[in-house]
């Protein structure tokens, strides 16, 4: 079955689109973002940690968990920007993730929750 047919989150960065599903999370996978090559989404930058953040699920929701030195800015569909540092924030609707610096400073990562 196509992953896009199930509830999932789409992550788009630098013309690359990735999909993360609840089924992947239940099997123990976490979707990682950072500057290290082994991350699912590799984002270069001087303020970005090797393993900066990851996406996990709880019940039917997706969460971004920051594990970095400099924190992460997240803008959700209501256009509210939240700063998270060594904590987590729910990802819903369509929005933006900026690792280590404010949204306007770098090239943010797009997310779309598809339910």
Protein backbone atom coordinates (compact mmCIF):
# COMPACT_ATOMS: atom_id res chain seq x y z
CA UNK A 1 0.00 0.00 0.00
CA UNK A 2 1.22 3.49 -0.83
CA UNK A 3 2.36 5.41 2.30
CA UNK A 4 0.47 8.46 1.03
CA UNK A 5 -2.84 6.60 1.48
CA UNK A 6 -2.29 6.45 5.27
CA UNK A 7 -2.12 9.37 7.73
CA UNK A 8 1.38 10.80 7.33
CA UNK A 9 3.48 13.92 7.33
CA UNK A 10 5.30 15.15 4.25
CA UNK A 11 8.63 16.94 4.70
CA UNK A 12 10.03 19.06 1.85
CA UNK A 13 13.51 20.57 1.80
CA UNK A 14 15.74 21.61 -1.12
CA UNK A 15 13.47 20.02 -3.73
CA UNK A 16 13.43 16.69 -1.88
CA UNK A 17 10.18 15.33 -0.46
CA UNK A 18 10.04 12.68 2.27
CA UNK A 19 7.09 10.92 3.89
CA UNK A 20 6.87 9.75 7.52
CA UNK A 21 3.94 7.58 8.63
CA UNK A 22 2.49 6.42 11.93
CA UNK A 23 3.30 2.86 10.87
CA UNK A 24 7.00 3.75 10.59
CA UNK A 25 6.89 5.35 14.05
CA UNK A 26 5.19 2.29 15.55
CA UNK A 27 8.02 0.15 14.18
CA UNK A 28 10.51 2.25 16.16
CA UNK A 29 11.63 4.69 13.44
CA UNK A 30 12.15 8.37 14.17
CA UNK A 31 12.42 10.85 11.31
CA UNK A 32 15.62 12.87 11.87
CA UNK A 33 16.68 16.36 10.79
CA UNK A 34 20.19 17.77 11.15
CA UNK A 35 23.46 18.46 9.39
CA UNK A 36 24.80 14.90 9.68
CA UNK A 37 24.65 12.83 6.49
CA UNK A 38 22.76 9.97 8.19
CA UNK A 39 19.74 12.21 8.94
CA UNK A 40 16.57 11.72 6.92
CA UNK A 41 16.69 15.41 5.99
CA UNK A 42 20.15 16.95 5.84
CA UNK A 43 20.15 20.71 6.45
CA UNK A 44 23.55 22.42 6.36
CA UNK A 45 24.28 25.42 8.54
CA UNK A 46 26.53 26.72 11.28
CA UNK A 47 23.70 26.81 13.88
CA UNK A 48 22.43 23.32 13.10
CA UNK A 49 23.39 20.34 15.26
CA UNK A 50 24.43 17.01 13.75
CA UNK A 51 21.23 15.41 15.02
CA UNK A 52 19.19 18.57 15.58
CA UNK A 53 15.60 17.30 15.88
CA UNK A 54 13.37 14.38 15.05
CA UNK A 55 9.69 13.72 14.39
CA UNK A 56 7.77 11.18 16.42
CA UNK A 57 4.11 10.27 16.86
CA UNK A 58 1.78 9.99 19.81
CA UNK A 59 -1.69 8.64 19.22
CA UNK A 60 -2.70 10.29 15.92
CA UNK A 61 -0.46 13.37 16.24
CA UNK A 62 3.02 14.19 14.91
CA UNK A 63 5.53 16.01 17.13
CA UNK A 64 8.86 17.67 16.45
CA UNK A 65 11.31 16.97 19.28
CA UNK A 66 14.30 19.33 19.52
CA UNK A 67 17.53 17.82 20.85
CA UNK A 68 19.86 20.61 19.72
CA UNK A 69 22.07 23.29 21.20
CA UNK A 70 20.35 26.22 19.44
CA UNK A 71 16.69 25.21 19.33
CA UNK A 72 14.13 25.10 16.54
CA UNK A 73 11.47 27.53 15.31
CA UNK A 74 8.17 26.04 14.14
CA UNK A 75 5.35 27.87 12.38
CA UNK A 76 2.08 25.92 12.23
CA UNK A 77 -0.92 26.50 9.97
CA UNK A 78 -2.31 29.27 12.20
CA UNK A 79 0.95 31.20 11.45
CA UNK A 80 1.96 31.19 15.13
CA UNK A 81 5.70 30.74 15.54
CA UNK A 82 6.94 28.69 18.49
CA UNK A 83 10.51 28.30 19.68
CA UNK A 84 11.30 24.86 21.08
CA UNK A 85 14.57 23.97 22.79
CA UNK A 86 15.05 20.47 24.18
CA UNK A 87 11.31 19.99 24.15
CA UNK A 88 8.60 19.16 21.65
CA UNK A 89 5.83 20.82 19.69
CA UNK A 90 2.88 19.35 17.80
CA UNK A 91 3.06 19.62 14.02
CA UNK A 92 -0.35 20.15 12.43
CA UNK A 93 -1.64 21.41 9.12
CA UNK A 94 0.95 22.95 6.85
CA UNK A 95 3.89 24.90 8.25
CA UNK A 96 7.61 25.54 8.48
CA UNK A 97 10.53 24.26 10.56
CA UNK A 98 13.73 26.29 10.93
CA UNK A 99 16.66 24.60 12.63
CA UNK A 100 18.90 26.76 14.82
CA UNK A 101 17.75 30.17 13.61
CA UNK A 102 14.63 32.27 13.07
CA UNK A 103 12.39 31.40 10.12
CA UNK A 104 13.39 34.42 8.07
CA UNK A 105 17.14 33.78 8.51
CA UNK A 106 17.57 30.47 6.72
CA UNK A 107 15.89 28.15 4.27
CA UNK A 108 13.12 26.50 6.29
CA UNK A 109 11.80 22.97 5.96
CA UNK A 110 8.16 22.66 4.86
CA UNK A 111 5.83 20.15 6.53
CA UNK A 112 2.30 19.04 5.59
CA UNK A 113 0.23 16.83 7.87
CA UNK A 114 -1.94 14.58 5.74
CA UNK A 115 -4.78 12.84 7.56
